[in-house]
């Protein structure tokens, strides 16, 4: 079954960032699925995750999938730094830090200018998309009805920052690194090491103990090469670096609205919140969402019962977890 789609690039002009730096001639790539209702009350914002571009996310859109385009008008925004929107790979003098806050501010303006949309029915996000969903609800508390935080948190945890900074250090150690995330050439050896570090964190100990990596490869070495190196090596290192910095700095209270008071930022959220962590996620743990739950006015905690670690939240090749997410999200959106 087909449904209407539209896509384009929003020209945001020169954007002054939280840091005070300027993102010159900012461009925000987007794609929309479905039909905007006359009342403009059926909008789902669906931001991208680390390194992902909008085609990578479209697998869960469909009449019988997680997000139904015959009911919702689903707008996928490509994050700054992902290679489609403004990024180090396509923009001169890309700033040293573009935050999640900067992303959602530009997304809000794009919806206003493109479609005169003021109110959001839901923001659905996995991983860094979940960080953006949380920011939407905290930064625009009067404009967002619901958010689905799929494997995400309100503030990047210190343990998660240890992982992110190990990846940053790996890229910085490359002989091609010129400083501040710029490279004289693509650092292929560093990106291979980067991919192998990532493989240890993105999937759980239980995943490897169960031998699930052997579903797609005859041995561990092949799995690391085909499932991880082949995923990361083609991507521009400067983009990877920039988005790592965005992830590392994520904090819904790190702005003039809340002045670093995370509790106040969480209590200010008026949207209904579905917290859906992976039970074995090493990045965004169930305990992190459980601590947030007590401070949210309207929230439910529904962990994904899976040994797929962080990947449980984006189960392209995992029907059992995909079914859990679909059933949970569709039931919650129907209420």
Protein backbone atom coordinates (compact mmCIF):
# COMPACT_ATOMS: atom_id res chain seq x y z
CA UNK A 1 0.00 0.00 0.00
CA UNK A 2 1.37 3.40 -0.98
CA UNK A 3 0.94 6.67 0.90
CA UNK A 4 1.94 10.26 0.10
CA UNK A 5 5.52 11.33 0.76
CA UNK A 6 7.34 14.63 0.43
CA UNK A 7 10.94 15.57 1.01
CA UNK A 8 13.23 18.52 0.78
CA UNK A 9 15.82 20.70 2.46
CA UNK A 10 14.85 23.57 4.73
CA UNK A 11 17.12 26.59 4.40
CA UNK A 12 17.40 27.99 7.91
CA UNK A 13 19.84 30.77 7.07
CA UNK A 14 22.54 31.67 9.57
CA UNK A 15 21.71 30.01 12.89
CA UNK A 16 23.18 31.29 16.14
CA UNK A 17 23.94 28.26 18.28
CA UNK A 18 23.91 27.79 22.05
CA UNK A 19 27.69 28.13 22.03
CA UNK A 20 27.45 31.55 20.42
CA UNK A 21 29.00 30.21 17.22
CA UNK A 22 27.19 30.63 13.93
CA UNK A 23 26.10 27.79 11.65
CA UNK A 24 26.21 29.58 8.31
CA UNK A 25 23.63 28.79 5.62
CA UNK A 26 22.16 26.02 7.77
CA UNK A 27 20.33 23.30 5.86
CA UNK A 28 17.97 20.77 7.41
CA UNK A 29 17.07 17.70 5.34
CA UNK A 30 13.64 16.17 5.93
CA UNK A 31 11.14 13.67 4.59
CA UNK A 32 7.42 13.43 5.39
CA UNK A 33 5.12 10.39 5.20
CA UNK A 34 1.33 10.63 5.18
CA UNK A 35 -1.13 13.50 4.94
CA UNK A 36 -1.31 16.50 7.25
CA UNK A 37 -4.82 16.79 8.67
CA UNK A 38 -6.78 20.02 8.11
CA UNK A 39 -6.45 20.78 11.84
CA UNK A 40 -2.69 20.02 11.73
CA UNK A 41 -3.16 17.80 14.77
CA UNK A 42 -1.69 14.50 13.54
CA UNK A 43 2.01 15.36 13.40
CA UNK A 44 4.70 12.93 14.54
CA UNK A 45 8.27 14.23 14.53
CA UNK A 46 10.79 11.42 13.99
CA UNK A 47 14.41 12.62 14.39
CA UNK A 48 17.37 10.53 13.24
CA UNK A 49 19.88 8.71 15.46
CA UNK A 50 23.69 8.61 15.49
CA UNK A 51 25.07 8.38 11.97
CA UNK A 52 21.65 7.53 10.53
CA UNK A 53 19.97 9.21 7.59
CA UNK A 54 16.23 9.24 6.99
CA UNK A 55 16.16 6.19 4.65
CA UNK A 56 17.63 4.14 7.51
CA UNK A 57 14.59 4.90 9.68
CA UNK A 58 11.77 4.34 7.23
CA UNK A 59 11.52 0.59 7.86
CA UNK A 60 9.12 1.10 10.79
CA UNK A 61 6.70 3.34 8.86
CA UNK A 62 3.66 1.61 7.33
CA UNK A 63 -0.04 0.92 7.93
CA UNK A 64 0.82 -2.26 9.82
CA UNK A 65 4.09 -1.04 11.34
CA UNK A 66 5.06 1.07 14.36
CA UNK A 67 4.08 4.44 12.83
CA UNK A 68 1.02 4.39 10.57
CA UNK A 69 1.20 6.99 7.75
CA UNK A 70 -2.51 6.58 7.00
CA UNK A 71 -3.19 8.01 10.48
CA UNK A 72 -0.19 10.25 11.16
CA UNK A 73 1.80 12.87 9.31
CA UNK A 74 5.33 11.68 10.09
CA UNK A 75 8.20 14.11 9.54
CA UNK A 76 11.72 12.67 9.72
CA UNK A 77 14.40 15.27 10.38
CA UNK A 78 18.03 14.51 9.57
CA UNK A 79 20.21 15.65 12.44
CA UNK A 80 22.93 18.19 11.83
CA UNK A 81 26.15 16.31 11.21
CA UNK A 82 24.60 13.27 9.48
CA UNK A 83 25.77 14.18 5.97
CA UNK A 84 22.37 15.21 4.57
CA UNK A 85 21.71 18.22 6.78
CA UNK A 86 24.54 20.71 7.40
CA UNK A 87 27.61 18.69 8.40
CA UNK A 88 31.38 18.95 8.43
CA UNK A 89 31.40 16.95 5.19
CA UNK A 90 29.32 19.51 3.30
CA UNK A 91 29.79 22.82 5.15
CA UNK A 92 32.81 25.05 5.51
CA UNK A 93 33.64 26.18 9.04
CA UNK A 94 31.15 23.80 10.66
CA UNK A 95 31.01 24.77 14.36
CA UNK A 96 32.87 22.77 16.99
CA UNK A 97 29.63 21.91 18.82
CA UNK A 98 26.04 21.76 17.59
CA UNK A 99 23.80 20.61 20.43
CA UNK A 100 20.56 18.68 20.58
CA UNK A 101 18.96 21.96 21.67
CA UNK A 102 20.20 23.59 18.45
CA UNK A 103 18.73 20.73 16.41
CA UNK A 104 15.24 20.89 17.92
CA UNK A 105 15.08 24.67 17.70
CA UNK A 106 15.73 24.46 13.96
CA UNK A 107 13.28 21.58 13.54
CA UNK A 108 10.55 23.63 15.24
CA UNK A 109 11.17 26.58 12.93
CA UNK A 110 11.14 24.31 9.89
CA UNK A 111 7.71 22.91 10.79
CA UNK A 112 6.36 26.43 11.25
CA UNK A 113 7.74 27.73 7.98
CA UNK A 114 7.01 24.65 5.86
CA UNK A 115 3.58 23.66 7.17
CA UNK A 116 2.43 26.25 9.75
CA UNK A 117 2.57 23.48 12.37
CA UNK A 118 2.52 24.69 15.97
CA UNK A 119 1.50 21.59 17.90
CA UNK A 120 3.09 18.15 17.84
CA UNK A 121 1.03 15.03 18.54
CA UNK A 122 4.13 12.96 19.27
CA UNK A 123 7.90 12.93 18.96
CA UNK A 124 9.25 9.41 18.43
CA UNK A 125 12.96 8.82 18.74
CA UNK A 126 15.47 6.00 19.17
CA UNK A 127 18.92 6.59 20.71
CA UNK A 128 19.99 10.14 19.75
CA UNK A 129 16.46 10.49 18.39
CA UNK A 130 15.28 9.77 21.93
CA UNK A 131 17.54 12.55 23.22
CA UNK A 132 15.82 14.87 20.75
CA UNK A 133 12.34 13.67 21.79
CA UNK A 134 13.17 14.53 25.41
CA UNK A 135 14.43 17.97 24.35
CA UNK A 136 11.26 18.66 22.36
CA UNK A 137 9.14 18.01 25.45
CA UNK A 138 11.34 20.07 27.80
CA UNK A 139 12.10 23.00 25.51
CA UNK A 140 8.54 23.31 24.12
CA UNK A 141 6.36 22.00 26.99
CA UNK A 142 3.20 23.70 25.68
CA UNK A 143 3.56 22.38 22.13
CA UNK A 144 4.10 18.63 22.53
CA UNK A 145 1.37 16.14 23.48
CA UNK A 146 3.44 12.93 23.73
CA UNK A 147 6.96 11.64 23.34
CA UNK A 148 8.31 8.13 22.87
CA UNK A 149 11.85 7.85 24.24
CA UNK A 150 13.13 4.59 22.78
CA UNK A 151 16.54 3.82 24.33
CA UNK A 152 17.27 7.40 25.32
CA UNK A 153 17.62 9.65 28.37
CA UNK A 154 17.23 13.26 29.47
CA UNK A 155 20.97 13.73 30.12
CA UNK A 156 23.85 11.65 28.78
CA UNK A 157 25.15 9.60 31.71
CA UNK A 158 28.79 9.79 32.78
CA UNK A 159 29.35 6.11 31.94
CA UNK A 160 27.97 6.73 28.46
CA UNK A 161 30.32 9.71 28.13
CA UNK A 162 33.26 7.39 28.89
CA UNK A 163 32.28 5.33 25.84
CA UNK A 164 31.79 8.40 23.65
CA UNK A 165 35.10 9.93 24.65
CA UNK A 166 36.91 6.67 23.90
CA UNK A 167 35.57 6.94 20.35
CA UNK A 168 36.55 10.60 20.13
CA UNK A 169 40.04 9.74 21.37
CA UNK A 170 40.32 6.96 18.79
CA UNK A 171 39.61 9.39 15.96
CA UNK A 172 41.89 12.04 17.45
CA UNK A 173 44.76 9.52 17.64
CA UNK A 174 44.69 9.02 13.88
CA UNK A 175 47.70 10.56 12.08
CA UNK A 176 45.19 12.16 9.67
CA UNK A 177 43.57 14.17 12.48
CA UNK A 178 44.27 17.90 12.11
CA UNK A 179 42.52 18.96 15.32
CA UNK A 180 38.94 19.77 16.34
CA UNK A 181 37.51 16.83 14.42
CA UNK A 182 39.00 17.69 11.04
CA UNK A 183 41.06 15.24 8.98
CA UNK A 184 43.54 15.53 6.12
CA UNK A 185 42.17 12.25 4.72
CA UNK A 186 39.77 9.60 5.91
CA UNK A 187 41.43 7.74 8.84
CA UNK A 188 40.56 4.22 7.76
CA UNK A 189 42.58 2.40 10.42
CA UNK A 190 41.11 4.57 13.18
CA UNK A 191 37.61 4.00 11.87
CA UNK A 192 38.15 0.24 11.90
CA UNK A 193 39.17 0.48 15.56
CA UNK A 194 36.20 2.79 16.18
CA UNK A 195 33.82 0.19 14.73
CA UNK A 196 35.20 -2.60 16.94
CA UNK A 197 34.82 -0.49 20.08
CA UNK A 198 31.26 0.27 19.03
CA UNK A 199 30.47 -3.44 18.58
CA UNK A 200 31.27 -4.10 22.24
CA UNK A 201 28.85 -1.43 23.47
CA UNK A 202 25.95 -1.61 21.04
CA UNK A 203 25.20 -5.26 21.81
CA UNK A 204 25.04 -6.89 25.21
CA UNK A 205 27.23 -9.52 26.84
CA UNK A 206 24.21 -11.84 26.70
CA UNK A 207 23.91 -11.31 22.94
CA UNK A 208 27.44 -12.57 22.39
CA UNK A 209 27.12 -15.33 24.99
CA UNK A 210 24.10 -16.66 23.10
CA UNK A 211 26.10 -16.66 19.87
CA UNK A 212 23.67 -14.37 18.08
CA UNK A 213 26.54 -12.72 16.22
CA UNK A 214 26.91 -15.99 14.33
CA UNK A 215 23.50 -15.57 12.71
CA UNK A 216 25.02 -13.25 10.12
CA UNK A 217 28.66 -14.39 10.05
CA UNK A 218 30.61 -17.65 10.34
CA UNK A 219 32.88 -16.33 13.12
CA UNK A 220 33.51 -13.31 15.34
CA UNK A 221 36.19 -11.76 13.12
CA UNK A 222 33.89 -11.81 10.10
CA UNK A 223 31.06 -10.36 12.19
CA UNK A 224 33.23 -7.44 13.34
CA UNK A 225 34.31 -6.75 9.79
CA UNK A 226 31.00 -7.12 7.92
CA UNK A 227 28.53 -5.90 10.54
CA UNK A 228 30.61 -3.10 12.07
CA UNK A 229 33.64 -2.04 10.04
CA UNK A 230 31.61 -2.04 6.85
CA UNK A 231 29.01 0.11 8.62
CA UNK A 232 31.34 2.82 9.91
CA UNK A 233 34.37 2.95 7.61
CA UNK A 234 32.45 4.51 4.65
CA UNK A 235 31.11 7.36 6.81
CA UNK A 236 33.07 10.63 6.95
CA UNK A 237 35.07 10.73 10.18
CA UNK A 238 34.40 14.44 10.64
CA UNK A 239 30.64 13.77 10.72
CA UNK A 240 31.08 10.93 13.20
CA UNK A 241 33.20 13.16 15.41
CA UNK A 242 30.72 16.06 15.30
CA UNK A 243 27.76 13.88 16.27
CA UNK A 244 29.73 12.26 19.10
CA UNK A 245 30.21 15.72 20.57
CA UNK A 246 26.48 16.41 20.18
CA UNK A 247 25.63 13.16 21.99
CA UNK A 248 28.20 13.75 24.75
CA UNK A 249 26.73 17.19 25.54
CA UNK A 250 23.06 16.15 25.53
CA UNK A 251 21.17 17.51 28.55
CA UNK A 252 17.60 18.85 28.54
CA UNK A 253 18.51 21.29 31.34
CA UNK A 254 21.66 22.73 29.72
CA UNK A 255 20.02 25.93 28.50
CA UNK A 256 18.77 29.27 29.78
CA UNK A 257 15.33 27.81 30.49
CA UNK A 258 16.58 25.50 33.26
CA UNK A 259 20.19 26.60 34.01
CA UNK A 260 21.39 23.04 34.53
CA UNK A 261 18.58 22.03 36.93
CA UNK A 262 17.65 18.61 35.53
CA UNK A 263 14.92 17.97 38.09
CA UNK A 264 13.20 21.24 37.19
CA UNK A 265 13.46 20.43 33.48
CA UNK A 266 11.87 17.00 33.96
CA UNK A 267 9.08 18.40 36.14
CA UNK A 268 8.34 21.03 33.47
CA UNK A 269 7.47 18.36 30.87
CA UNK A 270 3.70 18.25 30.32
CA UNK A 271 3.66 15.70 27.52
CA UNK A 272 2.74 12.09 28.11
CA UNK A 273 5.98 10.15 28.08
CA UNK A 274 6.63 6.55 27.08
CA UNK A 275 10.06 5.46 28.30
CA UNK A 276 11.12 2.34 26.44
CA UNK A 277 14.69 1.35 27.37
CA UNK A 278 16.30 -1.92 26.37
CA UNK A 279 16.73 -4.24 29.35
CA UNK A 280 20.37 -4.91 28.41
CA UNK A 281 21.25 -1.52 26.89
CA UNK A 282 24.72 -0.42 27.99
CA UNK A 283 24.21 3.22 26.92
CA UNK A 284 20.81 4.23 28.26
CA UNK A 285 19.97 1.97 31.16
CA UNK A 286 16.60 1.09 32.62
CA UNK A 287 17.82 2.55 35.92
CA UNK A 288 18.35 5.94 34.23
CA UNK A 289 14.77 6.04 32.96
CA UNK A 290 13.44 4.74 36.30
CA UNK A 291 15.08 7.68 38.06
CA UNK A 292 13.45 10.09 35.58
CA UNK A 293 10.04 8.45 35.93
CA UNK A 294 9.43 9.80 39.43
CA UNK A 295 9.91 13.38 38.20
CA UNK A 296 7.63 13.20 35.16
CA UNK A 297 3.97 14.19 35.44
CA UNK A 298 2.61 11.57 32.99
CA UNK A 299 4.95 8.73 32.18
CA UNK A 300 5.13 4.97 31.74
CA UNK A 301 8.21 2.76 31.81
CA UNK A 302 8.08 -0.20 29.40
CA UNK A 303 11.49 -1.88 29.05
CA UNK A 304 12.12 -3.94 25.92
CA UNK A 305 12.71 -7.54 27.12
CA UNK A 306 15.69 -8.30 24.94
CA UNK A 307 19.34 -9.38 25.00
CA UNK A 308 20.11 -7.27 21.92
CA UNK A 309 21.45 -4.41 24.02
CA UNK A 310 21.05 -0.96 22.48
CA UNK A 311 20.08 -2.48 19.16
CA UNK A 312 16.82 -3.74 20.69
CA UNK A 313 15.39 -0.27 20.08
CA UNK A 314 16.06 -0.43 16.33
CA UNK A 315 15.31 -4.09 15.56
CA UNK A 316 15.50 -4.11 11.77
CA UNK A 317 16.61 -7.75 11.80
CA UNK A 318 14.96 -8.82 15.04
CA UNK A 319 11.24 -9.62 14.60
CA UNK A 320 10.57 -10.36 18.27
CA UNK A 321 11.75 -6.95 19.49
CA UNK A 322 10.10 -5.24 16.52
CA UNK A 323 6.79 -6.83 17.50
CA UNK A 324 7.15 -5.65 21.11
CA UNK A 325 7.86 -2.07 20.02
CA UNK A 326 5.03 -2.05 17.50
CA UNK A 327 2.45 -3.41 19.95
CA UNK A 328 3.57 -1.14 22.79
CA UNK A 329 3.76 2.07 20.78
CA UNK A 330 0.56 1.58 18.80
CA UNK A 331 -1.39 0.75 21.95
CA UNK A 332 0.03 3.79 23.72
CA UNK A 333 -0.65 6.16 20.81
CA UNK A 334 -4.25 4.92 20.61
CA UNK A 335 -5.08 6.04 24.14
